[in-house]
N, C-alpha and C. Protein backbone atom coordinates (compact mmCIF):
# COMPACT_ATOMS: atom_id res chain seq x y z
N GLY A 1 25.21 -12.79 -3.91
CA GLY A 1 24.39 -12.29 -2.84
C GLY A 1 25.23 -11.74 -1.71
N VAL A 2 24.55 -11.18 -0.76
CA VAL A 2 25.18 -10.61 0.42
C VAL A 2 25.17 -11.66 1.52
N PRO A 3 26.32 -11.96 2.13
CA PRO A 3 26.35 -12.98 3.17
C PRO A 3 25.65 -12.52 4.45
N VAL A 4 25.03 -13.46 5.13
CA VAL A 4 24.41 -13.22 6.42
C VAL A 4 25.23 -13.98 7.45
N THR A 5 25.65 -13.30 8.50
CA THR A 5 26.44 -13.91 9.55
C THR A 5 25.51 -14.53 10.59
N LEU A 6 25.69 -15.81 10.84
CA LEU A 6 24.86 -16.49 11.84
C LEU A 6 25.20 -16.00 13.25
N ASN A 7 24.20 -16.02 14.11
CA ASN A 7 24.34 -15.65 15.53
C ASN A 7 24.82 -14.22 15.73
N THR A 8 24.48 -13.34 14.80
CA THR A 8 24.85 -11.93 14.86
C THR A 8 23.63 -11.12 14.39
N TRP A 9 23.36 -9.99 15.06
CA TRP A 9 22.26 -9.13 14.62
C TRP A 9 22.54 -8.63 13.20
N GLN A 10 21.54 -8.68 12.36
CA GLN A 10 21.62 -8.18 10.99
C GLN A 10 20.51 -7.15 10.80
N HIS A 11 20.79 -6.11 10.03
CA HIS A 11 19.75 -5.15 9.68
C HIS A 11 19.20 -5.56 8.32
N ILE A 12 17.93 -5.97 8.28
CA ILE A 12 17.29 -6.40 7.05
C ILE A 12 16.20 -5.39 6.71
N ALA A 13 16.20 -4.89 5.50
CA ALA A 13 15.17 -3.97 5.03
C ALA A 13 14.63 -4.49 3.71
N VAL A 14 13.32 -4.46 3.58
CA VAL A 14 12.66 -4.82 2.33
C VAL A 14 11.80 -3.63 1.94
N VAL A 15 12.04 -3.10 0.75
CA VAL A 15 11.35 -1.91 0.26
C VAL A 15 10.50 -2.30 -0.94
N PHE A 16 9.20 -1.99 -0.87
CA PHE A 16 8.29 -2.23 -2.00
C PHE A 16 7.86 -0.88 -2.54
N ASP A 17 8.14 -0.64 -3.81
CA ASP A 17 7.77 0.61 -4.47
C ASP A 17 6.51 0.37 -5.29
N THR A 18 5.40 0.96 -4.87
CA THR A 18 4.12 0.75 -5.56
C THR A 18 4.09 1.37 -6.94
N GLU A 19 4.94 2.35 -7.20
CA GLU A 19 4.96 2.98 -8.53
C GLU A 19 5.64 2.11 -9.57
N THR A 20 6.67 1.37 -9.17
CA THR A 20 7.41 0.51 -10.10
C THR A 20 7.09 -0.97 -9.92
N ASN A 21 6.33 -1.31 -8.87
CA ASN A 21 6.05 -2.71 -8.52
C ASN A 21 7.33 -3.51 -8.37
N GLN A 22 8.33 -2.91 -7.78
CA GLN A 22 9.61 -3.57 -7.54
C GLN A 22 9.84 -3.69 -6.04
N VAL A 23 10.39 -4.82 -5.64
CA VAL A 23 10.78 -5.01 -4.25
C VAL A 23 12.30 -5.14 -4.21
N GLN A 24 12.92 -4.47 -3.25
CA GLN A 24 14.38 -4.49 -3.09
C GLN A 24 14.67 -4.90 -1.65
N MET A 25 15.58 -5.85 -1.48
CA MET A 25 16.00 -6.28 -0.14
C MET A 25 17.40 -5.76 0.13
N TYR A 26 17.64 -5.32 1.38
CA TYR A 26 18.94 -4.84 1.82
C TYR A 26 19.35 -5.64 3.06
N ILE A 27 20.61 -6.02 3.14
CA ILE A 27 21.16 -6.63 4.34
C ILE A 27 22.30 -5.73 4.80
N ASN A 28 22.14 -5.17 6.00
CA ASN A 28 23.11 -4.23 6.56
C ASN A 28 23.38 -3.05 5.62
N GLY A 29 22.32 -2.58 4.95
CA GLY A 29 22.40 -1.42 4.06
C GLY A 29 22.90 -1.70 2.66
N VAL A 30 23.22 -2.96 2.35
CA VAL A 30 23.76 -3.32 1.03
C VAL A 30 22.66 -4.03 0.24
N PRO A 31 22.39 -3.61 -1.02
CA PRO A 31 21.39 -4.31 -1.83
C PRO A 31 21.69 -5.80 -1.89
N ALA A 32 20.65 -6.61 -1.63
CA ALA A 32 20.85 -8.06 -1.55
C ALA A 32 19.91 -8.83 -2.47
N GLY A 33 19.24 -8.14 -3.38
CA GLY A 33 18.35 -8.82 -4.32
C GLY A 33 17.11 -8.00 -4.56
N SER A 34 16.48 -8.25 -5.70
CA SER A 34 15.27 -7.53 -6.03
C SER A 34 14.37 -8.42 -6.89
N ALA A 35 13.12 -8.00 -7.02
CA ALA A 35 12.16 -8.71 -7.86
C ALA A 35 11.25 -7.67 -8.50
N SER A 36 11.00 -7.85 -9.78
CA SER A 36 10.11 -6.94 -10.50
C SER A 36 9.56 -7.69 -11.70
N PRO A 37 8.30 -7.62 -12.03
CA PRO A 37 7.26 -6.99 -11.21
C PRO A 37 6.93 -7.85 -10.01
N PHE A 38 6.52 -7.21 -8.95
CA PHE A 38 6.19 -7.88 -7.70
C PHE A 38 4.80 -7.41 -7.31
N THR A 39 3.92 -8.31 -6.97
CA THR A 39 2.58 -7.91 -6.58
C THR A 39 2.27 -8.39 -5.17
N ILE A 40 1.54 -7.57 -4.46
CA ILE A 40 1.06 -7.92 -3.13
C ILE A 40 -0.41 -8.29 -3.30
N PRO A 41 -0.84 -9.44 -2.75
CA PRO A 41 -2.24 -9.84 -2.90
C PRO A 41 -3.18 -8.74 -2.40
N SER A 42 -4.28 -8.55 -3.11
CA SER A 42 -5.23 -7.50 -2.74
C SER A 42 -6.16 -7.94 -1.62
N SER A 43 -6.17 -9.22 -1.27
CA SER A 43 -7.05 -9.67 -0.20
C SER A 43 -6.57 -9.12 1.14
N VAL A 44 -7.50 -8.88 2.01
CA VAL A 44 -7.16 -8.38 3.34
C VAL A 44 -6.87 -9.59 4.22
N GLY A 45 -5.77 -9.54 4.92
CA GLY A 45 -5.42 -10.65 5.79
C GLY A 45 -4.49 -10.17 6.88
N THR A 46 -3.98 -11.10 7.63
CA THR A 46 -3.09 -10.81 8.73
C THR A 46 -1.67 -10.64 8.22
N LEU A 47 -0.97 -9.64 8.73
CA LEU A 47 0.44 -9.45 8.42
C LEU A 47 1.24 -10.40 9.29
N ASN A 48 2.01 -11.28 8.66
CA ASN A 48 2.84 -12.25 9.38
C ASN A 48 4.29 -11.81 9.31
N LEU A 49 4.93 -11.71 10.45
CA LEU A 49 6.35 -11.40 10.49
C LEU A 49 7.10 -12.67 10.84
N GLY A 50 8.00 -13.08 9.98
CA GLY A 50 8.80 -14.26 10.26
C GLY A 50 8.10 -15.57 9.94
N ALA A 51 7.02 -15.53 9.16
CA ALA A 51 6.32 -16.75 8.75
C ALA A 51 5.54 -16.44 7.48
N ASP A 52 5.28 -17.47 6.69
CA ASP A 52 4.48 -17.25 5.49
C ASP A 52 3.00 -17.26 5.86
N PHE A 53 2.12 -17.17 4.86
CA PHE A 53 0.68 -17.15 5.11
C PHE A 53 0.28 -18.40 5.87
N GLY A 54 -0.53 -18.25 6.88
CA GLY A 54 -0.97 -19.36 7.69
C GLY A 54 -0.01 -19.71 8.82
N GLY A 55 1.10 -18.96 8.95
CA GLY A 55 2.03 -19.19 10.03
C GLY A 55 2.96 -20.37 9.84
N ARG A 56 3.08 -20.85 8.61
CA ARG A 56 3.99 -21.97 8.34
C ARG A 56 5.39 -21.44 8.08
N ASN A 57 6.37 -22.32 8.05
CA ASN A 57 7.76 -21.97 7.74
C ASN A 57 8.25 -20.81 8.59
N SER A 58 8.13 -20.96 9.88
CA SER A 58 8.48 -19.88 10.81
C SER A 58 9.98 -19.60 10.82
N PHE A 59 10.30 -18.32 10.95
CA PHE A 59 11.66 -17.84 11.11
C PHE A 59 12.19 -18.26 12.47
N VAL A 60 13.41 -18.78 12.51
CA VAL A 60 14.02 -19.18 13.77
C VAL A 60 15.03 -18.09 14.15
N GLY A 61 14.70 -17.27 15.11
CA GLY A 61 15.55 -16.17 15.52
C GLY A 61 14.72 -15.11 16.22
N ASN A 62 15.26 -13.93 16.37
CA ASN A 62 14.57 -12.82 17.01
C ASN A 62 14.40 -11.68 16.01
N ILE A 63 13.28 -11.00 16.12
CA ILE A 63 13.00 -9.82 15.30
C ILE A 63 12.86 -8.65 16.26
N ASP A 64 13.56 -7.54 15.97
CA ASP A 64 13.54 -6.38 16.85
C ASP A 64 13.32 -5.13 16.01
N GLU A 65 12.57 -4.17 16.53
CA GLU A 65 12.36 -2.87 15.91
C GLU A 65 11.83 -2.96 14.49
N PHE A 66 10.71 -3.60 14.32
CA PHE A 66 10.05 -3.68 13.02
C PHE A 66 9.36 -2.35 12.73
N ARG A 67 9.53 -1.83 11.50
CA ARG A 67 8.94 -0.54 11.13
C ARG A 67 8.31 -0.64 9.75
N ILE A 68 7.24 0.13 9.56
CA ILE A 68 6.58 0.24 8.25
C ILE A 68 6.46 1.72 7.92
N TRP A 69 6.86 2.10 6.71
CA TRP A 69 6.70 3.47 6.23
C TRP A 69 5.57 3.52 5.22
N ASN A 70 5.04 4.71 4.96
CA ASN A 70 3.97 4.87 3.99
C ASN A 70 4.50 5.25 2.61
N ARG A 71 5.80 5.04 2.40
CA ARG A 71 6.42 5.30 1.10
C ARG A 71 7.66 4.42 0.98
N ALA A 72 8.14 4.27 -0.24
CA ALA A 72 9.36 3.48 -0.46
C ALA A 72 10.58 4.31 -0.08
N LEU A 73 11.46 3.75 0.73
CA LEU A 73 12.72 4.41 1.08
C LEU A 73 13.73 4.19 -0.03
N ASN A 74 14.64 5.16 -0.22
CA ASN A 74 15.71 4.97 -1.20
C ASN A 74 16.92 4.34 -0.50
N ALA A 75 17.91 3.97 -1.29
CA ALA A 75 19.08 3.26 -0.76
C ALA A 75 19.80 4.08 0.33
N ALA A 76 19.91 5.38 0.15
CA ALA A 76 20.58 6.22 1.16
C ALA A 76 19.82 6.22 2.48
N GLU A 77 18.48 6.27 2.40
CA GLU A 77 17.67 6.26 3.62
C GLU A 77 17.81 4.91 4.36
N VAL A 78 17.84 3.82 3.62
CA VAL A 78 18.04 2.51 4.23
C VAL A 78 19.42 2.47 4.88
N GLY A 79 20.43 2.99 4.21
CA GLY A 79 21.78 3.03 4.77
C GLY A 79 21.83 3.83 6.06
N ASN A 80 21.09 4.93 6.13
CA ASN A 80 21.03 5.73 7.36
C ASN A 80 20.40 4.97 8.51
N LEU A 81 19.45 4.09 8.23
CA LEU A 81 18.83 3.29 9.27
C LEU A 81 19.83 2.33 9.90
N VAL A 82 20.74 1.82 9.11
CA VAL A 82 21.74 0.90 9.62
C VAL A 82 22.70 1.62 10.55
N GLU A 83 22.96 2.87 10.26
CA GLU A 83 23.96 3.65 11.01
C GLU A 83 23.48 4.12 12.37
N GLY A 84 22.17 4.26 12.57
CA GLY A 84 21.73 4.78 13.86
C GLY A 84 20.24 4.83 13.98
N PRO A 85 19.74 5.42 15.08
CA PRO A 85 18.31 5.47 15.33
C PRO A 85 17.61 6.41 14.36
N VAL A 86 16.31 6.18 14.19
CA VAL A 86 15.50 7.00 13.30
C VAL A 86 15.07 8.25 14.02
C-alpha cells in the first residue's frame, strides 16, 4: 500500500467508474488500492463525509476542498489535482 504520513495534509481521491463498477483510491496521486465489482446502494440517503452510514466511526482529522465530478477521472487527471488548483 501507499503510506500515509500522520499530521500532514494528504491528497486523497476515490474514483468510482459506473461503466466498470470499479473503485480506485489514490493517495497523493499514487494508486493506493481498488475494488471491483463495487456497488453503491440504490437507496437515497445522506452523503456522509468522514463517517460511515449513520455517522458512526467518524474520521479524526480535517477535510478540505471536497469535490464531486459527474464522471470518473483518469489517473493523469487525479495527478493534476495533486499538483495544483482545478
